[in-house]
């Protein structure tokens, strides 16, 4: 197992025991199987080992001699948080209902802007699209990013590329339409609603 994976695994064990305890420390009795790995992380600044006074307080709390205890340092906490949230590599094959999509860097740049604006758009990106974009991987030996998208997500991508096209660059939308036969076309309106007509004085007098 690579060191990074081992560190995260041990940090997770320490954190789980720390959160379950009422005193904020993971104790020796629970971590004995990974003692050496915990001490290795302490040497690397990822966990803090309890000092003499802390061990005395923990011993009184537990009613037994606590020989050592550990808790994540701020760096250890951040490593564990990052490992939980970091984008995961895309699978080699699409899952059920998903389609493999390959995008050039210019398209990925436009798509990243689209999902970054999610909270400010009236038409938000499809559910899960932001996660797919964050997890997109660059195909080895090519200049393409690979994503696996549902039909709804692909239609949302087309909408994002339409926004990009209407604000200046048609390349991204045109290429997506050519490769996947999908382009966004705003639906025409059928005229103002009754409320709108009334507000602007368009209603008849009867």
N, C-alpha and C. Protein backbone atom coordinates (compact mmCIF):
# COMPACT_ATOMS: atom_id res chain seq x y z
N UNK A 1 0.85 -1.20 0.00
CA UNK A 1 0.00 0.00 0.00
C UNK A 1 0.88 1.25 0.00
N UNK A 2 0.54 2.22 -0.83
CA UNK A 2 1.32 3.45 -0.89
C UNK A 2 1.21 4.21 0.43
N UNK A 3 2.26 5.00 0.73
CA UNK A 3 2.25 5.70 2.02
C UNK A 3 1.05 6.61 2.17
N UNK A 4 0.71 7.35 1.08
CA UNK A 4 -0.42 8.28 1.19
C UNK A 4 -1.69 7.55 1.58
N UNK A 5 -1.95 6.39 0.95
CA UNK A 5 -3.14 5.62 1.28
C UNK A 5 -3.07 5.14 2.72
N UNK A 6 -1.88 4.68 3.14
CA UNK A 6 -1.72 4.18 4.50
C UNK A 6 -1.96 5.30 5.51
N UNK A 7 -1.45 6.48 5.24
CA UNK A 7 -1.63 7.61 6.14
C UNK A 7 -3.10 7.95 6.30
N UNK A 8 -3.82 8.00 5.20
CA UNK A 8 -5.25 8.33 5.26
C UNK A 8 -6.00 7.25 6.02
N UNK A 9 -5.65 6.01 5.78
CA UNK A 9 -6.33 4.90 6.46
C UNK A 9 -6.14 5.00 7.98
N UNK A 10 -4.90 5.27 8.42
CA UNK A 10 -4.64 5.36 9.85
C UNK A 10 -5.29 6.62 10.43
N UNK A 11 -5.22 7.73 9.72
CA UNK A 11 -5.86 8.95 10.19
C UNK A 11 -7.36 8.75 10.35
N UNK A 12 -7.95 8.01 9.44
CA UNK A 12 -9.39 7.75 9.56
C UNK A 12 -9.69 6.93 10.81
N UNK A 13 -8.83 5.95 11.10
CA UNK A 13 -9.04 5.14 12.30
C UNK A 13 -8.87 5.99 13.56
N UNK A 14 -7.87 6.85 13.58
CA UNK A 14 -7.65 7.72 14.73
C UNK A 14 -8.83 8.67 14.91
N UNK A 15 -9.30 9.26 13.83
CA UNK A 15 -10.40 10.21 13.91
C UNK A 15 -11.69 9.53 14.35
N UNK A 16 -11.95 8.34 13.83
CA UNK A 16 -13.16 7.63 14.23
C UNK A 16 -13.17 7.37 15.74
N UNK A 17 -12.02 6.93 16.28
CA UNK A 17 -11.95 6.66 17.72
C UNK A 17 -12.01 7.95 18.53
N UNK A 18 -11.40 9.00 18.01
CA UNK A 18 -11.42 10.30 18.69
C UNK A 18 -12.85 10.82 18.79
N UNK A 19 -13.61 10.73 17.70
CA UNK A 19 -14.97 11.25 17.68
C UNK A 19 -15.90 10.42 18.57
N UNK A 20 -15.59 9.13 18.71
CA UNK A 20 -16.42 8.28 19.55
C UNK A 20 -16.16 8.49 21.04
N UNK A 21 -14.97 9.03 21.36
CA UNK A 21 -14.61 9.23 22.77
C UNK A 21 -15.14 10.58 23.26
N UNK A 22 -15.34 10.68 24.55
CA UNK A 22 -15.83 11.94 25.10
C UNK A 22 -14.74 12.92 25.46
N UNK A 23 -13.49 12.49 25.36
CA UNK A 23 -12.37 13.34 25.79
C UNK A 23 -11.51 13.83 24.64
N UNK A 24 -11.82 13.47 23.39
CA UNK A 24 -11.11 14.01 22.25
C UNK A 24 -9.82 13.31 21.87
N UNK A 25 -9.56 12.12 22.43
CA UNK A 25 -8.34 11.38 22.10
C UNK A 25 -8.72 9.96 21.66
N UNK A 26 -7.91 9.41 20.77
CA UNK A 26 -8.01 8.00 20.41
C UNK A 26 -7.01 7.24 21.27
N UNK A 27 -7.50 6.24 22.00
CA UNK A 27 -6.67 5.60 23.02
C UNK A 27 -5.95 4.35 22.51
N UNK A 28 -4.89 4.01 23.25
CA UNK A 28 -4.03 2.89 22.91
C UNK A 28 -4.79 1.58 22.76
N UNK A 29 -5.76 1.34 23.61
CA UNK A 29 -6.47 0.07 23.57
C UNK A 29 -7.16 -0.18 22.25
N UNK A 30 -7.64 0.86 21.61
CA UNK A 30 -8.35 0.71 20.35
C UNK A 30 -7.40 0.72 19.15
N UNK A 31 -6.26 1.35 19.30
CA UNK A 31 -5.35 1.51 18.17
C UNK A 31 -4.13 0.61 18.24
N UNK A 32 -4.12 -0.34 19.17
CA UNK A 32 -2.94 -1.19 19.35
C UNK A 32 -2.50 -1.87 18.04
N UNK A 33 -3.43 -2.37 17.19
CA UNK A 33 -2.98 -3.03 15.96
C UNK A 33 -2.22 -2.11 15.00
N UNK A 34 -2.44 -0.80 15.11
CA UNK A 34 -1.76 0.13 14.18
C UNK A 34 -0.84 1.07 14.95
N UNK A 35 -0.36 0.64 16.11
CA UNK A 35 0.46 1.50 16.96
C UNK A 35 1.66 2.06 16.20
N UNK A 36 2.42 1.21 15.54
CA UNK A 36 3.63 1.69 14.87
C UNK A 36 3.30 2.67 13.76
N UNK A 37 2.22 2.43 13.07
CA UNK A 37 1.82 3.34 12.00
C UNK A 37 1.38 4.68 12.57
N UNK A 38 0.71 4.67 13.73
CA UNK A 38 0.34 5.92 14.38
C UNK A 38 1.58 6.70 14.79
N UNK A 39 2.56 6.01 15.35
CA UNK A 39 3.79 6.67 15.76
C UNK A 39 4.55 7.20 14.55
N UNK A 40 4.48 6.49 13.45
CA UNK A 40 5.12 6.98 12.22
C UNK A 40 4.46 8.29 11.75
N UNK A 41 3.13 8.35 11.87
CA UNK A 41 2.44 9.58 11.48
C UNK A 41 2.76 10.72 12.43
N UNK A 42 2.98 10.39 13.71
CA UNK A 42 3.38 11.42 14.67
C UNK A 42 4.73 12.01 14.28
N UNK A 43 5.64 11.14 13.81
CA UNK A 43 6.96 11.61 13.39
C UNK A 43 6.87 12.50 12.16
N UNK A 44 5.80 12.35 11.40
CA UNK A 44 5.60 13.15 10.19
C UNK A 44 4.68 14.35 10.43
N UNK A 45 4.27 14.57 11.66
CA UNK A 45 3.46 15.74 11.99
C UNK A 45 2.00 15.61 11.65
N UNK A 46 1.51 14.38 11.46
CA UNK A 46 0.12 14.19 11.09
C UNK A 46 -0.77 13.83 12.27
N UNK A 47 -0.18 13.29 13.34
CA UNK A 47 -0.93 13.07 14.57
C UNK A 47 -0.11 13.59 15.74
N UNK A 48 -0.82 13.96 16.79
CA UNK A 48 -0.22 14.42 18.04
C UNK A 48 -0.36 13.32 19.07
N UNK A 49 0.72 13.01 19.78
CA UNK A 49 0.67 12.03 20.85
C UNK A 49 0.46 12.74 22.19
N UNK A 50 -0.34 12.14 23.05
CA UNK A 50 -0.64 12.75 24.34
C UNK A 50 0.61 12.84 25.21
N UNK A 51 0.80 14.00 25.87
CA UNK A 51 1.89 14.18 26.81
C UNK A 51 1.58 13.55 28.15
N UNK A 52 2.51 13.69 29.09
CA UNK A 52 2.37 13.04 30.39
C UNK A 52 1.11 13.50 31.12
N UNK A 53 0.86 14.81 31.15
CA UNK A 53 -0.32 15.31 31.86
C UNK A 53 -1.61 14.84 31.20
N UNK A 54 -1.63 14.84 29.89
CA UNK A 54 -2.82 14.36 29.19
C UNK A 54 -3.05 12.89 29.47
N UNK A 55 -1.98 12.11 29.48
CA UNK A 55 -2.14 10.67 29.75
C UNK A 55 -2.65 10.43 31.17
N UNK A 56 -2.19 11.26 32.13
CA UNK A 56 -2.67 11.12 33.50
C UNK A 56 -4.17 11.41 33.58
N UNK A 57 -4.62 12.46 32.90
CA UNK A 57 -6.04 12.79 32.90
C UNK A 57 -6.86 11.70 32.21
N UNK A 58 -6.32 11.17 31.14
CA UNK A 58 -7.03 10.11 30.42
C UNK A 58 -7.11 8.84 31.26
N UNK A 59 -6.04 8.55 31.99
CA UNK A 59 -6.04 7.37 32.85
C UNK A 59 -7.11 7.50 33.93
N UNK A 60 -7.22 8.70 34.52
CA UNK A 60 -8.26 8.92 35.52
C UNK A 60 -9.64 8.80 34.90
N UNK A 61 -9.80 9.31 33.70
CA UNK A 61 -11.08 9.23 32.99
C UNK A 61 -11.45 7.78 32.72
N UNK A 62 -10.47 6.99 32.26
CA UNK A 62 -10.73 5.61 31.85
C UNK A 62 -10.71 4.62 33.02
N UNK A 63 -10.10 5.01 34.13
CA UNK A 63 -9.97 4.09 35.25
C UNK A 63 -8.94 3.01 35.01
N UNK A 64 -7.98 3.31 34.16
CA UNK A 64 -6.89 2.39 33.87
C UNK A 64 -5.71 3.19 33.38
N UNK A 65 -4.57 2.56 33.30
CA UNK A 65 -3.38 3.26 32.81
C UNK A 65 -3.44 3.40 31.29
N UNK A 66 -3.45 4.62 30.82
CA UNK A 66 -3.40 4.88 29.38
C UNK A 66 -1.95 5.16 29.02
N UNK A 67 -1.35 4.27 28.26
CA UNK A 67 0.08 4.39 27.95
C UNK A 67 0.34 5.39 26.82
N UNK A 68 -0.57 5.49 25.89
CA UNK A 68 -0.43 6.49 24.83
C UNK A 68 -1.81 6.76 24.21
N UNK A 69 -1.91 7.90 23.61
CA UNK A 69 -3.14 8.31 22.93
C UNK A 69 -2.76 9.27 21.81
N UNK A 70 -3.64 9.39 20.85
CA UNK A 70 -3.31 10.20 19.68
C UNK A 70 -4.55 10.94 19.19
N UNK A 71 -4.29 12.02 18.46
CA UNK A 71 -5.35 12.74 17.76
C UNK A 71 -4.70 13.45 16.57
N UNK A 72 -5.46 13.70 15.51
CA UNK A 72 -4.88 14.35 14.32
C UNK A 72 -4.40 15.76 14.63
N UNK A 73 -3.28 16.15 14.04
CA UNK A 73 -2.84 17.54 14.06
C UNK A 73 -3.68 18.31 13.03
N UNK A 74 -3.58 19.63 13.00
CA UNK A 74 -4.29 20.37 11.94
C UNK A 74 -3.94 19.87 10.54
N UNK A 75 -2.67 19.53 10.30
CA UNK A 75 -2.28 19.01 8.98
C UNK A 75 -2.95 17.66 8.73
N UNK A 76 -2.99 16.82 9.76
CA UNK A 76 -3.64 15.52 9.61
C UNK A 76 -5.12 15.66 9.34
N UNK A 77 -5.76 16.58 10.05
CA UNK A 77 -7.19 16.84 9.82
C UNK A 77 -7.42 17.26 8.38
N UNK A 78 -6.58 18.18 7.88
CA UNK A 78 -6.77 18.69 6.52
C UNK A 78 -6.51 17.60 5.48
N UNK A 79 -5.52 16.74 5.72
CA UNK A 79 -5.25 15.64 4.79
C UNK A 79 -6.45 14.71 4.70
N UNK A 80 -7.04 14.39 5.83
CA UNK A 80 -8.19 13.49 5.83
C UNK A 80 -9.38 14.14 5.13
N UNK A 81 -9.62 15.43 5.40
CA UNK A 81 -10.72 16.13 4.73
C UNK A 81 -10.50 16.17 3.23
N UNK A 82 -9.27 16.49 2.81
CA UNK A 82 -8.97 16.57 1.38
C UNK A 82 -9.17 15.23 0.70
N UNK A 83 -8.74 14.15 1.39
CA UNK A 83 -8.86 12.82 0.79
C UNK A 83 -10.32 12.43 0.60
N UNK A 84 -11.20 12.93 1.46
CA UNK A 84 -12.62 12.62 1.34
C UNK A 84 -13.27 13.38 0.19
N UNK A 85 -12.77 14.58 -0.10
CA UNK A 85 -13.43 15.46 -1.05
C UNK A 85 -12.75 15.53 -2.41
N UNK A 86 -11.55 15.00 -2.52
CA UNK A 86 -10.82 15.12 -3.78
C UNK A 86 -11.57 14.40 -4.90
N UNK A 87 -11.49 14.93 -6.12
CA UNK A 87 -12.17 14.27 -7.23
C UNK A 87 -11.65 12.85 -7.42
N UNK A 88 -12.54 11.91 -7.67
CA UNK A 88 -12.16 10.54 -7.92
C UNK A 88 -11.99 10.31 -9.41
N UNK A 89 -11.00 9.49 -9.79
CA UNK A 89 -10.80 9.21 -11.23
C UNK A 89 -12.05 8.60 -11.84
N UNK A 90 -12.30 8.95 -13.07
CA UNK A 90 -13.44 8.38 -13.78
C UNK A 90 -13.19 6.90 -14.04
N UNK A 91 -14.24 6.09 -14.06
CA UNK A 91 -14.06 4.66 -14.34
C UNK A 91 -13.63 4.44 -15.78
N UNK A 92 -13.08 3.27 -16.06
CA UNK A 92 -12.64 2.96 -17.42
C UNK A 92 -13.81 2.75 -18.37
N UNK A 93 -14.95 2.33 -17.84
CA UNK A 93 -16.13 2.09 -18.67
C UNK A 93 -17.32 2.84 -18.08
N UNK A 94 -18.22 3.33 -18.95
CA UNK A 94 -19.39 4.04 -18.43
C UNK A 94 -20.34 3.09 -17.73
N UNK A 95 -21.04 3.59 -16.71
CA UNK A 95 -22.03 2.80 -16.02
C UNK A 95 -23.35 2.82 -16.78
N UNK A 96 -24.36 2.13 -16.27
CA UNK A 96 -25.66 2.09 -16.93
C UNK A 96 -26.24 3.49 -17.13
N UNK A 97 -26.69 3.76 -18.32
CA UNK A 97 -27.33 5.05 -18.60
C UNK A 97 -26.36 6.19 -18.81
N UNK A 98 -25.06 5.90 -18.83
CA UNK A 98 -24.05 6.95 -19.02
C UNK A 98 -23.37 6.79 -20.37
N UNK A 99 -22.94 7.90 -20.91
CA UNK A 99 -22.27 7.91 -22.21
C UNK A 99 -20.89 8.51 -22.07
N UNK A 100 -19.93 7.92 -22.73
CA UNK A 100 -18.57 8.43 -22.71
C UNK A 100 -18.51 9.70 -23.57
N UNK A 101 -17.98 10.76 -22.96
CA UNK A 101 -17.86 12.04 -23.65
C UNK A 101 -16.41 12.49 -23.59
N UNK A 102 -15.86 12.88 -24.73
CA UNK A 102 -14.49 13.38 -24.80
C UNK A 102 -14.52 14.86 -25.18
N UNK A 103 -13.85 15.68 -24.38
CA UNK A 103 -13.84 17.12 -24.60
C UNK A 103 -12.42 17.63 -24.73
N UNK A 104 -12.23 18.61 -25.59
CA UNK A 104 -10.92 19.24 -25.72
C UNK A 104 -10.77 20.27 -24.59
N UNK A 105 -9.53 20.73 -24.34
CA UNK A 105 -9.32 21.68 -23.23
C UNK A 105 -10.20 22.92 -23.30
N UNK A 106 -10.43 23.48 -24.48
CA UNK A 106 -11.28 24.68 -24.58
C UNK A 106 -12.69 24.38 -24.11
N UNK A 107 -13.19 23.20 -24.41
CA UNK A 107 -14.53 22.82 -23.95
C UNK A 107 -14.55 22.64 -22.43
N UNK A 108 -13.50 22.04 -21.88
CA UNK A 108 -13.45 21.86 -20.44
C UNK A 108 -13.39 23.19 -19.72
N UNK A 109 -12.66 24.15 -20.28
CA UNK A 109 -12.59 25.48 -19.68
C UNK A 109 -13.98 26.12 -19.62
N UNK A 110 -14.71 26.03 -20.73
CA UNK A 110 -16.07 26.59 -20.77
C UNK A 110 -16.99 25.85 -19.80
N UNK A 111 -16.85 24.54 -19.73
CA UNK A 111 -17.71 23.75 -18.86
C UNK A 111 -17.42 24.02 -17.39
N UNK A 112 -16.16 24.21 -17.05
CA UNK A 112 -15.82 24.53 -15.66
C UNK A 112 -16.41 25.87 -15.24
N UNK A 113 -16.42 26.84 -16.16
CA UNK A 113 -17.05 28.13 -15.85
C UNK A 113 -18.54 27.95 -15.64
N UNK A 114 -19.17 27.15 -16.47
CA UNK A 114 -20.61 26.92 -16.37
C UNK A 114 -20.97 26.34 -15.01
N UNK A 115 -20.27 25.31 -14.56
CA UNK A 115 -20.63 24.71 -13.27
C UNK A 115 -20.22 25.60 -12.11
N UNK A 116 -19.19 26.44 -12.31
CA UNK A 116 -18.78 27.35 -11.24
C UNK A 116 -19.84 28.42 -10.98
N UNK A 117 -20.66 28.71 -11.98
CA UNK A 117 -21.70 29.73 -11.85
C UNK A 117 -23.04 29.15 -11.38
N UNK A 118 -23.03 27.90 -10.96
CA UNK A 118 -24.28 27.19 -10.66
C UNK A 118 -25.20 27.97 -9.73
N UNK A 119 -24.66 28.59 -8.69
CA UNK A 119 -25.49 29.28 -7.70
C UNK A 119 -26.07 30.58 -8.22
N UNK A 120 -25.58 31.05 -9.36
CA UNK A 120 -26.04 32.35 -9.88
C UNK A 120 -26.88 32.22 -11.14
N UNK A 121 -26.94 31.02 -11.71
CA UNK A 121 -27.69 30.82 -12.94
C UNK A 121 -29.16 30.55 -12.65
N UNK A 122 -30.03 30.99 -13.54
CA UNK A 122 -31.45 30.67 -13.43
C UNK A 122 -31.71 29.23 -13.90
N UNK A 123 -30.93 28.78 -14.88
CA UNK A 123 -31.01 27.38 -15.33
C UNK A 123 -29.74 26.70 -14.83
N UNK A 124 -29.86 25.98 -13.75
CA UNK A 124 -28.69 25.41 -13.10
C UNK A 124 -28.17 24.19 -13.85
N UNK A 125 -26.88 23.86 -13.72
CA UNK A 125 -26.36 22.62 -14.29
C UNK A 125 -27.11 21.41 -13.72
N UNK A 126 -27.19 20.36 -14.50
CA UNK A 126 -27.89 19.15 -14.08
C UNK A 126 -27.24 18.57 -12.83
N UNK A 127 -28.05 17.88 -12.05
CA UNK A 127 -27.54 17.24 -10.84
C UNK A 127 -26.37 16.32 -11.17
N UNK A 128 -25.31 16.45 -10.39
CA UNK A 128 -24.16 15.58 -10.56
C UNK A 128 -23.16 16.03 -11.60
N UNK A 129 -23.50 17.05 -12.40
CA UNK A 129 -22.59 17.46 -13.47
C UNK A 129 -21.31 18.06 -12.90
N UNK A 130 -21.44 18.87 -11.85
CA UNK A 130 -20.24 19.49 -11.27
C UNK A 130 -19.26 18.42 -10.79
N UNK A 131 -19.78 17.36 -10.17
CA UNK A 131 -18.91 16.28 -9.71
C UNK A 131 -18.24 15.58 -10.88
N UNK A 132 -18.98 15.39 -11.97
CA UNK A 132 -18.40 14.76 -13.16
C UNK A 132 -17.28 15.62 -13.75
N UNK A 133 -17.50 16.92 -13.74
CA UNK A 133 -16.49 17.83 -14.28
C UNK A 133 -15.24 17.81 -13.41
N UNK A 134 -15.43 17.84 -12.08
CA UNK A 134 -14.27 17.80 -11.20
C UNK A 134 -13.49 16.49 -11.33
N UNK A 135 -14.20 15.40 -11.62
CA UNK A 135 -13.54 14.11 -11.71
C UNK A 135 -13.06 13.75 -13.10
N UNK A 136 -13.23 14.65 -14.06
CA UNK A 136 -12.80 14.35 -15.43
C UNK A 136 -11.29 14.09 -15.47
N UNK A 137 -10.90 13.08 -16.22
CA UNK A 137 -9.48 12.76 -16.33
C UNK A 137 -9.02 13.00 -17.76
N UNK A 138 -7.75 13.34 -17.88
CA UNK A 138 -7.18 13.57 -19.20
C UNK A 138 -6.72 12.23 -19.76
N UNK A 139 -7.16 11.92 -20.95
CA UNK A 139 -6.82 10.65 -21.58
C UNK A 139 -5.32 10.61 -21.89
N UNK A 140 -4.59 9.60 -21.39
CA UNK A 140 -3.15 9.52 -21.66
C UNK A 140 -2.86 9.53 -23.16
N UNK A 141 -1.89 10.34 -23.54
CA UNK A 141 -1.47 10.39 -24.93
C UNK A 141 -2.39 11.17 -25.84
N UNK A 142 -3.42 11.81 -25.31
CA UNK A 142 -4.32 12.60 -26.14
C UNK A 142 -4.51 13.97 -25.50
N UNK A 143 -5.23 14.80 -26.21
CA UNK A 143 -5.55 16.13 -25.68
C UNK A 143 -7.04 16.19 -25.36
N UNK A 144 -7.56 15.09 -24.79
CA UNK A 144 -8.99 14.98 -24.51
C UNK A 144 -9.23 14.69 -23.03
N UNK A 145 -10.31 15.26 -22.51
CA UNK A 145 -10.79 14.92 -21.17
C UNK A 145 -11.98 13.98 -21.31
N UNK A 146 -12.03 12.98 -20.44
CA UNK A 146 -13.07 11.96 -20.53
C UNK A 146 -14.04 12.12 -19.35
N UNK A 147 -15.33 12.17 -19.67
CA UNK A 147 -16.39 12.19 -18.67
C UNK A 147 -17.42 11.15 -19.06
N UNK A 148 -18.18 10.67 -18.08
CA UNK A 148 -19.29 9.76 -18.34
C UNK A 148 -20.56 10.45 -17.85
N UNK A 149 -21.44 10.76 -18.79
CA UNK A 149 -22.58 11.63 -18.49
C UNK A 149 -23.90 10.96 -18.83
N UNK A 150 -24.91 11.30 -18.04
CA UNK A 150 -26.28 10.90 -18.34
C UNK A 150 -26.82 11.81 -19.45
N UNK A 151 -27.98 11.44 -20.00
CA UNK A 151 -28.58 12.26 -21.05
C UNK A 151 -28.89 13.65 -20.52
N UNK A 152 -29.41 13.72 -19.30
CA UNK A 152 -29.73 15.02 -18.71
C UNK A 152 -28.47 15.87 -18.55
N UNK A 153 -27.38 15.26 -18.12
CA UNK A 153 -26.13 15.99 -17.96
C UNK A 153 -25.59 16.44 -19.30
N UNK A 154 -25.72 15.62 -20.33
CA UNK A 154 -25.26 16.02 -21.67
C UNK A 154 -26.06 17.21 -22.19
N UNK A 155 -27.37 17.20 -21.95
CA UNK A 155 -28.19 18.34 -22.36
C UNK A 155 -27.79 19.60 -21.60
N UNK A 156 -27.40 19.43 -20.35
CA UNK A 156 -26.94 20.57 -19.57
C UNK A 156 -25.61 21.09 -20.10
N UNK A 157 -24.73 20.19 -20.51
CA UNK A 157 -23.46 20.60 -21.13
C UNK A 157 -23.75 21.40 -22.40
N UNK A 158 -24.69 20.93 -23.19
CA UNK A 158 -25.05 21.65 -24.41
C UNK A 158 -25.54 23.06 -24.09
N UNK A 159 -26.29 23.19 -23.00
CA UNK A 159 -26.76 24.52 -22.59
C UNK A 159 -25.58 25.40 -22.19
N UNK A 160 -24.65 24.84 -21.43
CA UNK A 160 -23.46 25.61 -21.05
C UNK A 160 -22.67 26.07 -22.26
N UNK A 161 -22.53 25.19 -23.25
CA UNK A 161 -21.80 25.56 -24.46
C UNK A 161 -22.59 26.59 -25.28
N UNK A 162 -23.92 26.53 -25.20
CA UNK A 162 -24.73 27.55 -25.89
C UNK A 162 -24.48 28.93 -25.26
N UNK A 163 -24.42 28.98 -23.93
CA UNK A 163 -24.10 30.24 -23.27
C UNK A 163 -22.74 30.76 -23.74
N UNK A 164 -21.79 29.85 -23.82
CA UNK A 164 -20.44 30.22 -24.26
C UNK A 164 -20.47 30.72 -25.71
N UNK A 165 -21.23 30.04 -26.52
CA UNK A 165 -21.34 30.42 -27.94
C UNK A 165 -21.96 31.80 -28.09
N UNK A 166 -23.05 32.05 -27.38
CA UNK A 166 -23.76 33.31 -27.53
C UNK A 166 -22.97 34.48 -26.96
N UNK A 167 -22.00 34.17 -26.08
CA UNK A 167 -21.20 35.26 -25.50
C UNK A 167 -19.84 35.40 -26.18
N UNK A 168 -19.60 34.64 -27.28
CA UNK A 168 -18.37 34.92 -28.00
C UNK A 168 -17.72 33.81 -28.79
N UNK A 169 -17.72 32.55 -28.31
CA UNK A 169 -16.99 31.49 -28.99
C UNK A 169 -17.92 30.34 -29.34
N UNK A 170 -18.03 30.03 -30.64
CA UNK A 170 -18.92 28.97 -31.10
C UNK A 170 -18.22 27.62 -31.20
N UNK A 171 -16.90 27.59 -31.11
CA UNK A 171 -16.15 26.36 -31.33
C UNK A 171 -16.62 25.24 -30.41
N UNK A 172 -16.77 25.54 -29.13
CA UNK A 172 -17.08 24.51 -28.15
C UNK A 172 -18.45 23.89 -28.41
N UNK A 173 -19.45 24.72 -28.65
CA UNK A 173 -20.80 24.22 -28.91
C UNK A 173 -20.87 23.48 -30.24
N UNK A 174 -20.24 24.04 -31.27
CA UNK A 174 -20.30 23.41 -32.58
C UNK A 174 -19.63 22.04 -32.58
N UNK A 175 -18.52 21.94 -31.89
CA UNK A 175 -17.81 20.66 -31.83
C UNK A 175 -18.65 19.63 -31.06
N UNK A 176 -19.28 20.06 -29.97
CA UNK A 176 -20.11 19.15 -29.18
C UNK A 176 -21.30 18.68 -30.01
N UNK A 177 -21.91 19.58 -30.76
CA UNK A 177 -23.04 19.23 -31.60
C UNK A 177 -22.62 18.24 -32.68
N UNK A 178 -21.46 18.45 -33.26
CA UNK A 178 -20.98 17.56 -34.31
C UNK A 178 -20.65 16.17 -33.75
N UNK A 179 -19.99 16.13 -32.58
CA UNK A 179 -19.55 14.85 -32.03
C UNK A 179 -20.68 14.05 -31.41
N UNK A 180 -21.67 14.74 -30.82
CA UNK A 180 -22.71 14.03 -30.06
C UNK A 180 -24.13 14.34 -30.52
N UNK A 181 -24.23 15.05 -31.64
CA UNK A 181 -25.54 15.35 -32.22
C UNK A 181 -26.47 15.96 -31.18
N UNK A 182 -25.94 16.92 -30.45
CA UNK A 182 -26.72 17.54 -29.38
C UNK A 182 -26.36 19.02 -29.28
N UNK A 183 -27.36 19.87 -29.42
CA UNK A 183 -27.17 21.32 -29.30
C UNK A 183 -28.37 21.90 -28.59
N UNK A 184 -28.14 23.00 -27.89
CA UNK A 184 -29.24 23.65 -27.18
C UNK A 184 -29.88 24.70 -28.07
N UNK A 185 -31.22 24.69 -28.09
CA UNK A 185 -31.99 25.71 -28.81
C UNK A 185 -33.08 26.17 -27.85
N UNK A 186 -33.02 27.42 -27.38
CA UNK A 186 -34.06 27.89 -26.46
C UNK A 186 -35.45 27.73 -27.04
N UNK A 187 -36.37 27.26 -26.23
CA UNK A 187 -37.75 27.09 -26.69
C UNK A 187 -38.39 28.46 -26.88
N UNK A 188 -39.09 28.68 -27.98
CA UNK A 188 -39.75 29.98 -28.18
C UNK A 188 -40.88 30.17 -27.20
N UNK A 189 -41.08 31.39 -26.81
CA UNK A 189 -42.20 31.70 -25.92
C UNK A 189 -43.45 31.89 -26.76
N UNK A 190 -44.60 31.78 -26.12
CA UNK A 190 -45.88 31.92 -26.83
C UNK A 190 -46.54 33.26 -26.58
N UNK A 191 -45.75 34.20 -26.05
CA UNK A 191 -46.31 35.51 -25.75
C UNK A 191 -46.38 35.72 -24.26
N UNK A 192 -46.59 36.94 -23.83
CA UNK A 192 -46.62 37.23 -22.40
C UNK A 192 -47.82 36.60 -21.72
N UNK A 193 -47.63 36.26 -20.46
CA UNK A 193 -48.73 35.69 -19.68
C UNK A 193 -49.79 36.74 -19.43
N UNK A 194 -50.94 36.29 -18.93
CA UNK A 194 -52.03 37.22 -18.62
C UNK A 194 -51.58 38.26 -17.61
N UNK A 195 -50.81 37.81 -16.61
CA UNK A 195 -50.35 38.75 -15.58
C UNK A 195 -49.43 39.79 -16.19
N UNK A 196 -48.57 39.32 -17.11
CA UNK A 196 -47.65 40.27 -17.74
C UNK A 196 -48.41 41.24 -18.62
N UNK A 197 -49.39 40.74 -19.38
CA UNK A 197 -50.18 41.63 -20.25
C UNK A 197 -50.89 42.69 -19.43
N UNK A 198 -51.43 42.27 -18.30
CA UNK A 198 -52.15 43.23 -17.45
C UNK A 198 -51.20 44.29 -16.92
N UNK A 199 -49.98 43.85 -16.55
CA UNK A 199 -49.05 44.81 -15.94
C UNK A 199 -48.56 45.86 -16.91
N UNK A 200 -48.60 45.52 -18.22
CA UNK A 200 -48.14 46.51 -19.21
C UNK A 200 -49.30 47.09 -20.00
N UNK A 201 -50.54 46.84 -19.55
CA UNK A 201 -51.70 47.45 -20.20
C UNK A 201 -52.08 46.85 -21.51
N UNK A 202 -51.86 45.50 -21.68
CA UNK A 202 -52.18 44.86 -22.93
C UNK A 202 -53.54 44.18 -22.92
N UNK A 203 -54.20 44.14 -21.80
CA UNK A 203 -55.50 43.48 -21.74
C UNK A 203 -56.57 44.37 -22.37
N UNK A 204 -57.51 43.73 -22.98
CA UNK A 204 -58.61 44.48 -23.58
C UNK A 204 -59.60 44.97 -22.55
N UNK A 205 -60.49 45.86 -22.98
CA UNK A 205 -61.46 46.39 -22.05
C UNK A 205 -62.74 45.57 -22.01
N UNK A 206 -62.79 44.46 -22.84
CA UNK A 206 -63.95 43.59 -22.79
C UNK A 206 -64.73 43.64 -24.07
